[in-house]
Amino acid sequence: MLVAKNSTQIGANGRVVIPAEIRRELGLRPGEEMLVQVEDGRVVLESRDNLLRRIQSEWQAAAEGRSMVDELLAERRREFEREERELEEWTKSRSSTRRR
């Protein structure tokens, strides 16, 4: 069970002061923007940098060694080839109707 080692109070306008020890531990600076959400009845504060790292880590785990970039490039190449074939067919159909 996790036991809180710091506490704070909700002040005017719902403001909460993050204790200095925690700010130092997380490297939080005055004016830094924090993202706020509720998870399982808890208020969670997270920096944008931490959120980005967490999402990247989750995507890497989900990729299971696959390269998402390689997959995206392969998909784009297939789409390009399909469009090229369609253009070629359309060009042929236009030229055959002009000859008549």
PDB file of N, CA and C in Angstrom:
ATOM      1  N   MET A   1       0.843  -1.179   0.000  1.00  0.00           N
ATOM      2  CA  MET A   1       0.000   0.000   0.000  1.00  0.00           C
ATOM      3  C   MET A   1       0.886   1.239   0.000  1.00  0.00           C
ATOM      4  N   LEU A   2       0.525   2.213  -0.840  1.00  0.00           N
ATOM      5  CA  LEU A   2       1.279   3.452  -0.957  1.00  0.00           C
ATOM      6  C   LEU A   2       0.810   4.432   0.104  1.00  0.00           C
ATOM      7  N   VAL A   3       1.747   4.966   0.876  1.00  0.00           N
ATOM      8  CA  VAL A   3       1.421   5.944   1.907  1.00  0.00           C
ATOM      9  C   VAL A   3       2.034   7.272   1.498  1.00  0.00           C
ATOM     10  N   ALA A   4       1.210   8.323   1.496  1.00  0.00           N
ATOM     11  CA  ALA A   4       1.686   9.648   1.107  1.00  0.00           C
ATOM     12  C   ALA A   4       2.680  10.169   2.133  1.00  0.00           C
ATOM     13  N   LYS A   5       3.804  10.716   1.643  1.00  0.00           N
ATOM     14  CA  LYS A   5       4.786  11.281   2.562  1.00  0.00           C
ATOM     15  C   LYS A   5       4.700  12.796   2.605  1.00  0.00           C
ATOM     16  N   ASN A   6       3.903  13.385   1.733  1.00  0.00           N
ATOM     17  CA  ASN A   6       3.677  14.820   1.706  1.00  0.00           C
ATOM     18  C   ASN A   6       2.182  15.067   1.656  1.00  0.00           C
ATOM     19  N   SER A   7       1.776  16.235   2.127  1.00  0.00           N
ATOM     20  CA  SER A   7       0.370  16.598   1.996  1.00  0.00           C
ATOM     21  C   SER A   7       0.294  18.077   1.634  1.00  0.00           C
ATOM     22  N   THR A   8      -0.843  18.464   1.125  1.00  0.00           N
ATOM     23  CA  THR A   8      -1.089  19.846   0.746  1.00  0.00           C
ATOM     24  C   THR A   8      -2.570  20.108   0.922  1.00  0.00           C
ATOM     25  N   GLN A   9      -2.961  21.353   0.774  1.00  0.00           N
ATOM     26  CA  GLN A   9      -4.374  21.713   0.907  1.00  0.00           C
ATOM     27  C   GLN A   9      -4.842  22.408  -0.352  1.00  0.00           C
ATOM     28  N   ILE A  10      -6.132  22.316  -0.583  1.00  0.00           N
ATOM     29  CA  ILE A  10      -6.733  23.054  -1.689  1.00  0.00           C
ATOM     30  C   ILE A  10      -6.968  24.473  -1.195  1.00  0.00           C
ATOM     31  N   GLY A  11      -6.398  25.427  -1.890  1.00  0.00           N
ATOM     32  CA  GLY A  11      -6.504  26.828  -1.499  1.00  0.00           C
ATOM     33  C   GLY A  11      -7.552  27.570  -2.300  1.00  0.00           C
ATOM     34  N   ALA A  12      -7.436  28.881  -2.287  1.00  0.00           N
ATOM     35  CA  ALA A  12      -8.364  29.755  -3.001  1.00  0.00           C
ATOM     36  C   ALA A  12      -8.417  29.385  -4.472  1.00  0.00           C
ATOM     37  N   ASN A  13      -9.619  29.431  -5.025  1.00  0.00           N
ATOM     38  CA  ASN A  13      -9.846  29.122  -6.443  1.00  0.00           C
ATOM     39  C   ASN A  13      -9.412  27.712  -6.817  1.00  0.00           C
ATOM     40  N   GLY A  14      -9.354  26.789  -5.842  1.00  0.00           N
ATOM     41  CA  GLY A  14      -9.012  25.408  -6.134  1.00  0.00           C
ATOM     42  C   GLY A  14      -7.534  25.171  -6.354  1.00  0.00           C
ATOM     43  N   ARG A  15      -6.710  26.119  -5.984  1.00  0.00           N
ATOM     44  CA  ARG A  15      -5.263  25.971  -6.198  1.00  0.00           C
ATOM     45  C   ARG A  15      -4.669  24.963  -5.219  1.00  0.00           C
ATOM     46  N   VAL A  16      -3.719  24.183  -5.761  1.00  0.00           N
ATOM     47  CA  VAL A  16      -3.007  23.198  -4.948  1.00  0.00           C
ATOM     48  C   VAL A  16      -1.518  23.468  -5.120  1.00  0.00           C
ATOM     49  N   VAL A  17      -0.794  23.546  -4.012  1.00  0.00           N
ATOM     50  CA  VAL A  17       0.647  23.747  -4.055  1.00  0.00           C
ATOM     51  C   VAL A  17       1.319  22.379  -4.004  1.00  0.00           C
ATOM     52  N   ILE A  18       2.179  22.124  -4.983  1.00  0.00           N
ATOM     53  CA  ILE A  18       2.943  20.878  -4.991  1.00  0.00           C
ATOM     54  C   ILE A  18       4.150  21.115  -4.077  1.00  0.00           C
ATOM     55  N   PRO A  19       4.325  20.271  -3.068  1.00  0.00           N
ATOM     56  CA  PRO A  19       5.443  20.476  -2.130  1.00  0.00           C
ATOM     57  C   PRO A  19       6.790  20.574  -2.853  1.00  0.00           C
ATOM     58  N   ALA A  20       7.676  21.413  -2.315  1.00  0.00           N
ATOM     59  CA  ALA A  20       8.976  21.687  -2.931  1.00  0.00           C
ATOM     60  C   ALA A  20       9.775  20.415  -3.171  1.00  0.00           C
ATOM     61  N   GLU A  21       9.741  19.475  -2.236  1.00  0.00           N
ATOM     62  CA  GLU A  21      10.491  18.223  -2.389  1.00  0.00           C
ATOM     63  C   GLU A  21      10.055  17.482  -3.654  1.00  0.00           C
ATOM     64  N   ILE A  22       8.769  17.446  -3.905  1.00  0.00           N
ATOM     65  CA  ILE A  22       8.242  16.749  -5.083  1.00  0.00           C
ATOM     66  C   ILE A  22       8.591  17.526  -6.349  1.00  0.00           C
ATOM     67  N   ARG A  23       8.476  18.855  -6.295  1.00  0.00           N
ATOM     68  CA  ARG A  23       8.842  19.674  -7.472  1.00  0.00           C
ATOM     69  C   ARG A  23      10.300  19.449  -7.837  1.00  0.00           C
ATOM     70  N   ARG A  24      11.176  19.400  -6.834  1.00  0.00           N
ATOM     71  CA  ARG A  24      12.609  19.166  -7.102  1.00  0.00           C
ATOM     72  C   ARG A  24      12.816  17.766  -7.688  1.00  0.00           C
ATOM     73  N   GLU A  25      12.169  16.774  -7.097  1.00  0.00           N
ATOM     74  CA  GLU A  25      12.320  15.389  -7.559  1.00  0.00           C
ATOM     75  C   GLU A  25      11.908  15.235  -9.018  1.00  0.00           C
ATOM     76  N   LEU A  26      10.859  15.943  -9.414  1.00  0.00           N
ATOM     77  CA  LEU A  26      10.354  15.845 -10.789  1.00  0.00           C
ATOM     78  C   LEU A  26      10.943  16.885 -11.721  1.00  0.00           C
ATOM     79  N   GLY A  27      11.725  17.817 -11.192  1.00  0.00           N
ATOM     80  CA  GLY A  27      12.316  18.868 -12.020  1.00  0.00           C
ATOM     81  C   GLY A  27      11.296  19.858 -12.531  1.00  0.00           C
ATOM     82  N   LEU A  28      10.254  20.104 -11.761  1.00  0.00           N
ATOM     83  CA  LEU A  28       9.199  21.030 -12.173  1.00  0.00           C
ATOM     84  C   LEU A  28       9.639  22.465 -11.906  1.00  0.00           C
ATOM     85  N   ARG A  29       9.361  23.342 -12.848  1.00  0.00           N
ATOM     86  CA  ARG A  29       9.738  24.751 -12.757  1.00  0.00           C
ATOM     87  C   ARG A  29       8.488  25.622 -12.713  1.00  0.00           C
ATOM     88  N   PRO A  30       8.578  26.807 -12.102  1.00  0.00           N
ATOM     89  CA  PRO A  30       7.437  27.728 -12.097  1.00  0.00           C
ATOM     90  C   PRO A  30       6.989  28.036 -13.525  1.00  0.00           C
ATOM     91  N   GLY A  31       5.688  28.036 -13.731  1.00  0.00           N
ATOM     92  CA  GLY A  31       5.126  28.342 -15.046  1.00  0.00           C
ATOM     93  C   GLY A  31       5.012  27.142 -15.968  1.00  0.00           C
ATOM     94  N   GLU A  32       5.571  26.004 -15.580  1.00  0.00           N
ATOM     95  CA  GLU A  32       5.493  24.812 -16.422  1.00  0.00           C
ATOM     96  C   GLU A  32       4.046  24.337 -16.508  1.00  0.00           C
ATOM     97  N   GLU A  33       3.611  24.036 -17.715  1.00  0.00           N
ATOM     98  CA  GLU A  33       2.238  23.573 -17.917  1.00  0.00           C
ATOM     99  C   GLU A  33       2.129  22.104 -17.547  1.00  0.00           C
ATOM    100  N   MET A  34       1.082  21.788 -16.806  1.00  0.00           N
ATOM    101  CA  MET A  34       0.830  20.414 -16.381  1.00  0.00           C
ATOM    102  C   MET A  34      -0.513  19.966 -16.940  1.00  0.00           C
ATOM    103  N   LEU A  35      -0.601  18.706 -17.314  1.00  0.00           N
ATOM    104  CA  LEU A  35      -1.855  18.121 -17.767  1.00  0.00           C
ATOM    105  C   LEU A  35      -2.517  17.483 -16.559  1.00  0.00           C
ATOM    106  N   VAL A  36      -3.838  17.656 -16.442  1.00  0.00           N
ATOM    107  CA  VAL A  36      -4.570  17.165 -15.281  1.00  0.00           C
ATOM    108  C   VAL A  36      -5.658  16.217 -15.759  1.00  0.00           C
ATOM    109  N   GLN A  37      -5.758  15.067 -15.099  1.00  0.00           N
ATOM    110  CA  GLN A  37      -6.824  14.127 -15.428  1.00  0.00           C
ATOM    111  C   GLN A  37      -7.189  13.335 -14.181  1.00  0.00           C
ATOM    112  N   VAL A  38      -8.322  12.673 -14.249  1.00  0.00           N
ATOM    113  CA  VAL A  38      -8.770  11.836 -13.141  1.00  0.00           C
ATOM    114  C   VAL A  38      -8.615  10.386 -13.577  1.00  0.00           C
ATOM    115  N   GLU A  39      -7.942   9.597 -12.749  1.00  0.00           N
ATOM    116  CA  GLU A  39      -7.758   8.165 -12.996  1.00  0.00           C
ATOM    117  C   GLU A  39      -8.160   7.410 -11.737  1.00  0.00           C
ATOM    118  N   ASP A  40      -9.154   6.574 -11.851  1.00  0.00           N
ATOM    119  CA  ASP A  40      -9.590   5.749 -10.718  1.00  0.00           C
ATOM    120  C   ASP A  40      -9.814   6.566  -9.450  1.00  0.00           C
ATOM    121  N   GLY A  41     -10.460   7.716  -9.596  1.00  0.00           N
ATOM    122  CA  GLY A  41     -10.776   8.553  -8.439  1.00  0.00           C
ATOM    123  C   GLY A  41      -9.602   9.359  -7.911  1.00  0.00           C
ATOM    124  N   ARG A  42      -8.477   9.366  -8.641  1.00  0.00           N
ATOM    125  CA  ARG A  42      -7.300  10.138  -8.239  1.00  0.00           C
ATOM    126  C   ARG A  42      -7.077  11.272  -9.227  1.00  0.00           C
ATOM    127  N   VAL A  43      -6.565  12.394  -8.738  1.00  0.00           N
ATOM    128  CA  VAL A  43      -6.162  13.490  -9.621  1.00  0.00           C
ATOM    129  C   VAL A  43      -4.708  13.242 -10.003  1.00  0.00           C
ATOM    130  N   VAL A  44      -4.444  13.216 -11.302  1.00  0.00           N
ATOM    131  CA  VAL A  44      -3.091  12.937 -11.789  1.00  0.00           C
ATOM    132  C   VAL A  44      -2.587  14.156 -12.552  1.00  0.00           C
ATOM    133  N   LEU A  45      -1.428  14.666 -12.141  1.00  0.00           N
ATOM    134  CA  LEU A  45      -0.744  15.763 -12.829  1.00  0.00           C
ATOM    135  C   LEU A  45       0.422  15.183 -13.594  1.00  0.00           C
ATOM    136  N   GLU A  46       0.607  15.640 -14.848  1.00  0.00           N
ATOM    137  CA  GLU A  46       1.696  15.094 -15.660  1.00  0.00           C
ATOM    138  C   GLU A  46       2.194  16.169 -16.602  1.00  0.00           C
ATOM    139  N   SER A  47       3.500  16.272 -16.739  1.00  0.00           N
ATOM    140  CA  SER A  47       4.070  17.232 -17.684  1.00  0.00           C
ATOM    141  C   SER A  47       3.872  16.710 -19.106  1.00  0.00           C
ATOM    142  N   ARG A  48       3.881  17.608 -20.067  1.00  0.00           N
ATOM    143  CA  ARG A  48       3.741  17.207 -21.472  1.00  0.00           C
ATOM    144  C   ARG A  48       4.895  16.286 -21.882  1.00  0.00           C
ATOM    145  N   ASP A  49       6.103  16.604 -21.418  1.00  0.00           N
ATOM    146  CA  ASP A  49       7.263  15.767 -21.760  1.00  0.00           C
ATOM    147  C   ASP A  49       7.085  14.351 -21.240  1.00  0.00           C
ATOM    148  N   ASN A  50       6.602  14.219 -20.008  1.00  0.00           N
ATOM    149  CA  ASN A  50       6.400  12.896 -19.436  1.00  0.00           C
ATOM    150  C   ASN A  50       5.309  12.144 -20.194  1.00  0.00           C
ATOM    151  N   LEU A  51       4.236  12.842 -20.549  1.00  0.00           N
ATOM    152  CA  LEU A  51       3.156  12.209 -21.314  1.00  0.00           C
ATOM    153  C   LEU A  51       3.691  11.694 -22.647  1.00  0.00           C
ATOM    154  N   LEU A  52       4.479  12.510 -23.332  1.00  0.00           N
ATOM    155  CA  LEU A  52       5.050  12.101 -24.619  1.00  0.00           C
ATOM    156  C   LEU A  52       5.924  10.862 -24.454  1.00  0.00           C
ATOM    157  N   ARG A  53       6.795  10.855 -23.445  1.00  0.00           N
ATOM    158  CA  ARG A  53       7.656   9.684 -23.210  1.00  0.00           C
ATOM    159  C   ARG A  53       6.820   8.441 -22.905  1.00  0.00           C
ATOM    160  N   ARG A  54       5.769   8.610 -22.112  1.00  0.00           N
ATOM    161  CA  ARG A  54       4.922   7.479 -21.746  1.00  0.00           C
ATOM    162  C   ARG A  54       4.203   6.916 -22.971  1.00  0.00           C
ATOM    163  N   ILE A  55       3.671   7.788 -23.807  1.00  0.00           N
ATOM    164  CA  ILE A  55       2.971   7.335 -25.012  1.00  0.00           C
ATOM    165  C   ILE A  55       3.943   6.645 -25.967  1.00  0.00           C
ATOM    166  N   GLN A  56       5.120   7.231 -26.144  1.00  0.00           N
ATOM    167  CA  GLN A  56       6.119   6.606 -27.016  1.00  0.00           C
ATOM    168  C   GLN A  56       6.494   5.217 -26.512  1.00  0.00           C
ATOM    169  N   SER A  57       6.660   5.086 -25.220  1.00  0.00           N
ATOM    170  CA  SER A  57       7.005   3.791 -24.632  1.00  0.00           C
ATOM    171  C   SER A  57       5.889   2.772 -24.863  1.00  0.00           C
ATOM    172  N   GLU A  58       4.648   3.203 -24.684  1.00  0.00           N
ATOM    173  CA  GLU A  58       3.515   2.298 -24.899  1.00  0.00           C
ATOM    174  C   GLU A  58       3.423   1.869 -26.356  1.00  0.00           C
ATOM    175  N   TRP A  59       3.669   2.795 -27.288  1.00  0.00           N
ATOM    176  CA  TRP A  59       3.623   2.454 -28.713  1.00  0.00           C
ATOM    177  C   TRP A  59       4.748   1.505 -29.079  1.00  0.00           C
ATOM    178  N   GLN A  60       5.930   1.715 -28.520  1.00  0.00           N
ATOM    179  CA  GLN A  60       7.047   0.815 -28.802  1.00  0.00           C
ATOM    180  C   GLN A  60       6.752  -0.587 -28.303  1.00  0.00           C
ATOM    181  N   ALA A  61       6.158  -0.686 -27.144  1.00  0.00           N
ATOM    182  CA  ALA A  61       5.795  -2.000 -26.607  1.00  0.00           C
ATOM    183  C   ALA A  61       4.737  -2.663 -27.487  1.00  0.00           C
ATOM    184  N   ALA A  62       3.784  -1.878 -27.968  1.00  0.00           N
ATOM    185  CA  ALA A  62       2.721  -2.423 -28.815  1.00  0.00           C
ATOM    186  C   ALA A  62       3.249  -2.845 -30.181  1.00  0.00           C
ATOM    187  N   ALA A  63       4.311  -2.192 -30.649  1.00  0.00           N
ATOM    188  CA  ALA A  63       4.865  -2.501 -31.967  1.00  0.00           C
ATOM    189  C   ALA A  63       5.580  -3.843 -31.987  1.00  0.00           C
ATOM    190  N   GLU A  64       6.000  -4.331 -30.851  1.00  0.00           N
ATOM    191  CA  GLU A  64       6.667  -5.630 -30.729  1.00  0.00           C
ATOM    192  C   GLU A  64       7.795  -5.815 -31.743  1.00  0.00           C
ATOM    193  N   GLY A  65       8.674  -4.846 -31.811  1.00  0.00           N
ATOM    194  CA  GLY A  65       9.834  -4.966 -32.680  1.00  0.00           C
ATOM    195  C   GLY A  65       9.598  -4.533 -34.116  1.00  0.00           C
ATOM    196  N   ARG A  66       8.352  -4.275 -34.488  1.00  0.00           N
ATOM    197  CA  ARG A  66       8.072  -3.803 -35.851  1.00  0.00           C
ATOM    198  C   ARG A  66       8.427  -2.324 -35.937  1.00  0.00           C
ATOM    199  N   SER A  67       8.799  -1.901 -37.115  1.00  0.00           N
ATOM    200  CA  SER A  67       9.072  -0.483 -37.344  1.00  0.00           C
ATOM    201  C   SER A  67       7.812   0.155 -37.912  1.00  0.00           C
ATOM    202  N   MET A  68       7.213   1.012 -37.115  1.00  0.00           N
ATOM    203  CA  MET A  68       6.010   1.701 -37.575  1.00  0.00           C
ATOM    204  C   MET A  68       6.324   2.594 -38.776  1.00  0.00           C
ATOM    205  N   VAL A  69       7.524   3.160 -38.805  1.00  0.00           N
ATOM    206  CA  VAL A  69       7.932   4.000 -39.931  1.00  0.00           C
ATOM    207  C   VAL A  69       8.006   3.159 -41.198  1.00  0.00           C
ATOM    208  N   ASP A  70       8.634   1.976 -41.119  1.00  0.00           N
ATOM    209  CA  ASP A  70       8.718   1.108 -42.291  1.00  0.00           C
ATOM    210  C   ASP A  70       7.338   0.687 -42.767  1.00  0.00           C
ATOM    211  N   GLU A  71       6.452   0.387 -41.823  1.00  0.00           N
ATOM    212  CA  GLU A  71       5.085   0.008 -42.205  1.00  0.00           C
ATOM    213  C   GLU A  71       4.357   1.168 -42.883  1.00  0.00           C
ATOM    214  N   LEU A  72       4.527   2.365 -42.362  1.00  0.00           N
ATOM    215  CA  LEU A  72       3.886   3.534 -42.961  1.00  0.00           C
ATOM    216  C   LEU A  72       4.434   3.790 -44.363  1.00  0.00           C
ATOM    217  N   LEU A  73       5.753   3.687 -44.518  1.00  0.00           N
ATOM    218  CA  LEU A  73       6.349   3.891 -45.844  1.00  0.00           C
ATOM    219  C   LEU A  73       5.864   2.843 -46.838  1.00  0.00           C
ATOM    220  N   ALA A  74       5.771   1.598 -46.419  1.00  0.00           N
ATOM    221  CA  ALA A  74       5.289   0.537 -47.303  1.00  0.00           C
ATOM    222  C   ALA A  74       3.846   0.808 -47.710  1.00  0.00           C
ATOM    223  N   GLU A  75       3.034   1.240 -46.761  1.00  0.00           N
ATOM    224  CA  GLU A  75       1.640   1.561 -47.072  1.00  0.00           C
ATOM    225  C   GLU A  75       1.555   2.711 -48.072  1.00  0.00           C
ATOM    226  N   ARG A  76       2.378   3.732 -47.887  1.00  0.00           N
ATOM    227  CA  ARG A  76       2.379   4.885 -48.803  1.00  0.00           C
ATOM    228  C   ARG A  76       2.839   4.474 -50.204  1.00  0.00           C
ATOM    229  N   ARG A  77       3.830   3.576 -50.263  1.00  0.00           N
ATOM    230  CA  ARG A  77       4.298   3.099 -51.578  1.00  0.00           C
ATOM    231  C   ARG A  77       3.191   2.341 -52.306  1.00  0.00           C
ATOM    232  N   ARG A  78       2.478   1.468 -51.571  1.00  0.00           N
ATOM    233  CA  ARG A  78       1.368   0.726 -52.189  1.00  0.00           C
ATOM    234  C   ARG A  78       0.292   1.684 -52.687  1.00  0.00           C
ATOM    235  N   GLU A  79      -0.014   2.697 -51.900  1.00  0.00           N
ATOM    236  CA  GLU A  79      -1.022   3.677 -52.295  1.00  0.00           C
ATOM    237  C   GLU A  79      -0.569   4.452 -53.534  1.00  0.00           C
ATOM    238  N   PHE A  80       0.714   4.822 -53.586  1.00  0.00           N
ATOM    239  CA  PHE A  80       1.256   5.529 -54.739  1.00  0.00           C
ATOM    240  C   PHE A  80       1.148   4.661 -55.991  1.00  0.00           C
ATOM    241  N   GLU A  81       1.521   3.393 -55.865  1.00  0.00           N
ATOM    242  CA  GLU A  81       1.447   2.481 -57.011  1.00  0.00           C
ATOM    243  C   GLU A  81       0.011   2.304 -57.485  1.00  0.00           C
ATOM    244  N   ARG A  82      -0.939   2.211 -56.561  1.00  0.00           N
ATOM    245  CA  ARG A  82      -2.346   2.088 -56.929  1.00  0.00           C
ATOM    246  C   ARG A  82      -2.808   3.337 -57.679  1.00  0.00           C
ATOM    247  N   GLU A  83      -2.439   4.508 -57.173  1.00  0.00           N
ATOM    248  CA  GLU A  83      -2.828   5.755 -57.835  1.00  0.00           C
ATOM    249  C   GLU A  83      -2.198   5.870 -59.219  1.00  0.00           C
ATOM    250  N   GLU A  84      -0.952   5.424 -59.348  1.00  0.00           N
ATOM    251  CA  GLU A  84      -0.282   5.451 -60.649  1.00  0.00           C
ATOM    252  C   GLU A  84      -1.016   4.556 -61.655  1.00  0.00           C
ATOM    253  N   ARG A  85      -1.436   3.349 -61.210  1.00  0.00           N
ATOM    254  CA  ARG A  85      -2.185   2.446 -62.091  1.00  0.00           C
ATOM    255  C   ARG A  85      -3.515   3.074 -62.506  1.00  0.00           C
ATOM    256  N   GLU A  86      -4.200   3.673 -61.550  1.00  0.00           N
ATOM    257  CA  GLU A  86      -5.481   4.316 -61.868  1.00  0.00           C
ATOM    258  C   GLU A  86      -5.294   5.457 -62.855  1.00  0.00           C
ATOM    259  N   LEU A  87      -4.245   6.245 -62.690  1.00  0.00           N
ATOM    260  CA  LEU A  87      -3.971   7.347 -63.606  1.00  0.00           C
ATOM    261  C   LEU A  87      -3.657   6.816 -65.004  1.00  0.00           C
ATOM    262  N   GLU A  88      -2.863   5.753 -65.046  1.00  0.00           N
ATOM    263  CA  GLU A  88      -2.522   5.158 -66.338  1.00  0.00           C
ATOM    264  C   GLU A  88      -3.777   4.637 -67.044  1.00  0.00           C
ATOM    265  N   GLU A  89      -4.656   3.953 -66.310  1.00  0.00           N
ATOM    266  CA  GLU A  89      -5.905   3.454 -66.893  1.00  0.00           C
ATOM    267  C   GLU A  89      -6.792   4.597 -67.361  1.00  0.00           C
ATOM    268  N   TRP A  90      -6.862   5.644 -66.570  1.00  0.00           N
ATOM    269  CA  TRP A  90      -7.684   6.792 -66.934  1.00  0.00           C
ATOM    270  C   TRP A  90      -7.125   7.466 -68.184  1.00  0.00           C
ATOM    271  N   THR A  91      -5.783   7.607 -68.249  1.00  0.00           N
ATOM    272  CA  THR A  91      -5.145   8.225 -69.419  1.00  0.00           C
ATOM    273  C   THR A  91      -5.401   7.393 -70.668  1.00  0.00           C
ATOM    274  N   LYS A  92      -5.308   6.058 -70.561  1.00  0.00           N
ATOM    275  CA  LYS A  92      -5.580   5.180 -71.698  1.00  0.00           C
ATOM    276  C   LYS A  92      -7.029   5.306 -72.152  1.00  0.00           C
ATOM    277  N   SER A  93      -7.942   5.351 -71.207  1.00  0.00           N
ATOM    278  CA  SER A  93      -9.362   5.441 -71.567  1.00  0.00           C
ATOM    279  C   SER A  93      -9.659   6.779 -72.241  1.00  0.00           C
ATOM    280  N   ARG A  94      -9.018   7.846 -71.825  1.00  0.00           N
ATOM    281  CA  ARG A  94      -9.223   9.158 -72.445  1.00  0.00           C
ATOM    282  C   ARG A  94      -8.651   9.194 -73.851  1.00  0.00           C
ATOM    283  N   SER A  95      -7.481   8.575 -74.045  1.00  0.00           N
ATOM    284  CA  SER A  95      -6.859   8.605 -75.365  1.00  0.00           C
ATOM    285  C   SER A  95      -7.626   7.726 -76.342  1.00  0.00           C
ATOM    286  N   SER A  96      -8.206   6.624 -75.885  1.00  0.00           N
ATOM    287  CA  SER A  96      -8.959   5.755 -76.793  1.00  0.00           C
ATOM    288  C   SER A  96     -10.273   6.401 -77.191  1.00  0.00           C
ATOM    289  N   THR A  97     -10.866   7.197 -76.362  1.00  0.00           N
ATOM    290  CA  THR A  97     -12.133   7.873 -76.738  1.00  0.00           C
ATOM    291  C   THR A  97     -11.855   9.048 -77.665  1.00  0.00           C
ATOM    292  N   ARG A  98     -10.698   9.625 -77.673  1.00  0.00           N
ATOM    293  CA  ARG A  98     -10.350  10.728 -78.558  1.00  0.00           C
ATOM    294  C   ARG A  98     -10.071  10.243 -79.976  1.00  0.00           C
ATOM    295  N   ARG A  99      -9.605   9.005 -80.112  1.00  0.00           N
ATOM    296  CA  ARG A  99      -9.265   8.468 -81.431  1.00  0.00           C
ATOM    297  C   ARG A  99     -10.499   8.138 -82.245  1.00  0.00           C
ATOM    298  N   ARG A 100     -11.606   7.999 -81.628  1.00  0.00           N
ATOM    299  CA  ARG A 100     -12.803   7.582 -82.335  1.00  0.00           C
ATOM    300  C   ARG A 100     -13.381   8.670 -83.141  1.00  0.00           C
TER     301      ARG A 100
END
